[in-house]
Amino acid sequence: MEEAKPEWQASGETAKAPEGAEQPTFRLRLPRRENLEMFGIVMQLQGSNQVKVLSEDGKERGCRIPGKMKKRTWLRERDIVIIKLWDFQPTKADVVWRFLGMQVENLKRRGYLKNLPV
């Protein structure tokens, strides 16, 4: 015996939300300024776990990719990332997040990347 399905799932097609249903809203990860985080753009891959990043304050910093991101997140030049400055040596930082294409477009539209040459 077949279960009763909602009318928007009645046909054999994939499930689609009804007309009046809200579209899901996705939250973007933003830098936590109190934790010394800021946006940056990857300028150069330097091998191993090192990259050169141009941060939104206009300084080029040597950044490292921490171990938990090393094999999971692959960086390329011109990627938008969030970096966390080292509190004892602010000329260096760690990469903590990488944004994908649609996320970058969303950040541009919202005006978060005004200080970066994107």
Protein backbone atom coordinates (compact mmCIF):
# COMPACT_ATOMS: atom_id res chain seq x y z
CA MET A 1 0.00 0.00 0.00
CA GLU A 2 1.38 3.38 -1.00
CA GLU A 3 1.81 6.21 1.50
CA ALA A 4 -0.05 9.44 0.97
CA LYS A 5 2.34 12.12 -0.25
CA PRO A 6 1.86 15.87 -0.05
CA GLU A 7 0.46 17.27 -3.29
CA TRP A 8 3.74 18.89 -4.29
CA GLN A 9 5.40 15.44 -4.11
CA ALA A 10 2.54 13.51 -5.70
CA SER A 11 4.21 12.98 -9.05
CA GLY A 12 7.34 10.88 -9.40
CA GLU A 13 9.56 13.97 -9.82
CA THR A 14 12.09 15.16 -7.33
CA ALA A 15 10.66 17.05 -4.39
CA LYS A 16 10.25 20.77 -4.93
CA ALA A 17 9.06 23.24 -2.36
CA PRO A 18 5.57 24.67 -2.85
CA GLU A 19 5.20 28.16 -4.34
CA GLY A 20 4.65 29.94 -1.02
CA ALA A 21 7.57 28.28 0.79
CA GLU A 22 10.57 30.39 1.73
CA GLN A 23 13.92 29.77 0.07
CA PRO A 24 16.61 28.71 2.53
CA THR A 25 19.02 31.45 3.54
CA PHE A 26 22.66 30.53 3.91
CA ARG A 27 24.98 32.26 6.31
CA LEU A 28 28.48 33.12 5.22
CA ARG A 29 31.45 32.82 7.51
CA LEU A 30 32.68 36.33 8.24
CA PRO A 31 35.93 37.35 9.95
CA ARG A 32 35.73 37.74 13.72
CA ARG A 33 37.53 41.06 14.17
CA GLU A 34 37.97 40.55 17.94
CA ASN A 35 40.00 37.40 17.13
CA LEU A 36 42.30 39.32 14.72
CA GLU A 37 40.66 37.80 11.61
CA MET A 38 40.34 39.59 8.26
CA PHE A 39 39.72 38.95 4.58
CA GLY A 40 42.63 38.31 2.26
CA ILE A 41 43.40 37.25 -1.29
CA VAL A 42 45.97 34.56 -2.09
CA MET A 43 48.75 36.13 -4.17
CA GLN A 44 51.32 33.35 -4.40
CA LEU A 45 51.64 29.69 -3.43
CA GLN A 46 55.07 29.16 -1.92
CA GLY A 47 55.13 25.41 -1.51
CA SER A 48 54.57 23.12 1.43
CA ASN A 49 51.99 24.83 3.63
CA GLN A 50 52.99 28.44 2.93
CA VAL A 51 51.14 31.11 0.90
CA LYS A 52 51.56 34.83 0.39
CA VAL A 53 48.29 36.71 1.09
CA LEU A 54 47.35 40.34 0.47
CA SER A 55 45.17 41.28 3.45
CA GLU A 56 42.43 43.89 3.42
CA ASP A 57 44.61 46.38 5.31
CA GLY A 58 46.95 46.47 2.27
CA LYS A 59 49.84 44.44 3.72
CA GLU A 60 51.28 41.29 2.18
CA ARG A 61 51.64 38.59 4.79
CA GLY A 62 53.24 35.19 4.84
CA CYS A 63 50.53 32.76 5.88
CA ARG A 64 50.54 29.11 6.72
CA ILE A 65 47.86 26.53 6.07
CA PRO A 66 47.18 24.74 9.35
CA GLY A 67 47.23 20.95 9.48
CA LYS A 68 43.46 20.50 9.68
CA MET A 69 43.05 22.36 6.35
CA LYS A 70 46.14 21.03 4.61
CA LYS A 71 44.75 18.00 2.75
CA ARG A 72 41.08 19.02 2.81
CA THR A 73 41.12 22.55 1.38
CA TRP A 74 43.21 23.28 -1.68
CA LEU A 75 44.12 26.90 -2.34
CA ARG A 76 44.79 28.58 -5.67
CA GLU A 77 45.99 32.05 -6.56
CA ARG A 78 43.25 34.72 -6.42
CA ASP A 79 41.19 32.75 -3.85
CA ILE A 80 39.44 34.82 -1.19
CA VAL A 81 40.28 33.59 2.30
CA ILE A 82 39.94 34.56 5.95
CA ILE A 83 43.25 34.86 7.77
CA LYS A 84 43.91 34.99 11.50
CA LEU A 85 46.86 37.17 12.48
CA TRP A 86 49.38 35.85 14.96
CA ASP A 87 49.09 37.98 18.10
CA PHE A 88 52.84 37.79 18.81
CA GLN A 89 53.98 38.44 15.20
CA PRO A 90 51.38 40.36 13.16
CA THR A 91 53.38 40.06 9.92
CA LYS A 92 52.34 36.40 9.75
CA ALA A 93 48.97 34.66 9.86
CA ASP A 94 47.08 31.39 9.48
CA VAL A 95 44.52 30.70 6.76
CA VAL A 96 41.30 29.66 8.50
CA TRP A 97 38.67 29.68 5.71
CA ARG A 98 38.43 29.63 1.90
CA PHE A 99 35.41 30.94 -0.01
CA LEU A 100 33.96 29.32 -3.12
CA GLY A 101 32.76 31.12 -6.28
CA MET A 102 29.16 31.89 -5.35
CA GLN A 103 30.19 32.87 -1.84
CA VAL A 104 32.68 35.38 -3.25
CA GLU A 105 29.99 36.88 -5.48
CA ASN A 106 27.70 37.17 -2.47
CA LEU A 107 30.44 38.89 -0.44
CA LYS A 108 31.08 41.35 -3.31
CA ARG A 109 27.39 42.14 -3.59
CA ARG A 110 27.17 42.80 0.15
CA GLY A 111 30.22 45.11 0.02
CA TYR A 112 32.59 43.15 2.27
CA LEU A 113 35.41 43.01 -0.32
CA LYS A 114 35.74 46.73 -1.07
CA ASN A 115 39.30 46.86 0.31
CA LEU A 116 40.55 43.97 -1.84
CA PRO A 117 41.54 44.13 -5.53
CA VAL A 118 38.99 41.54 -6.66
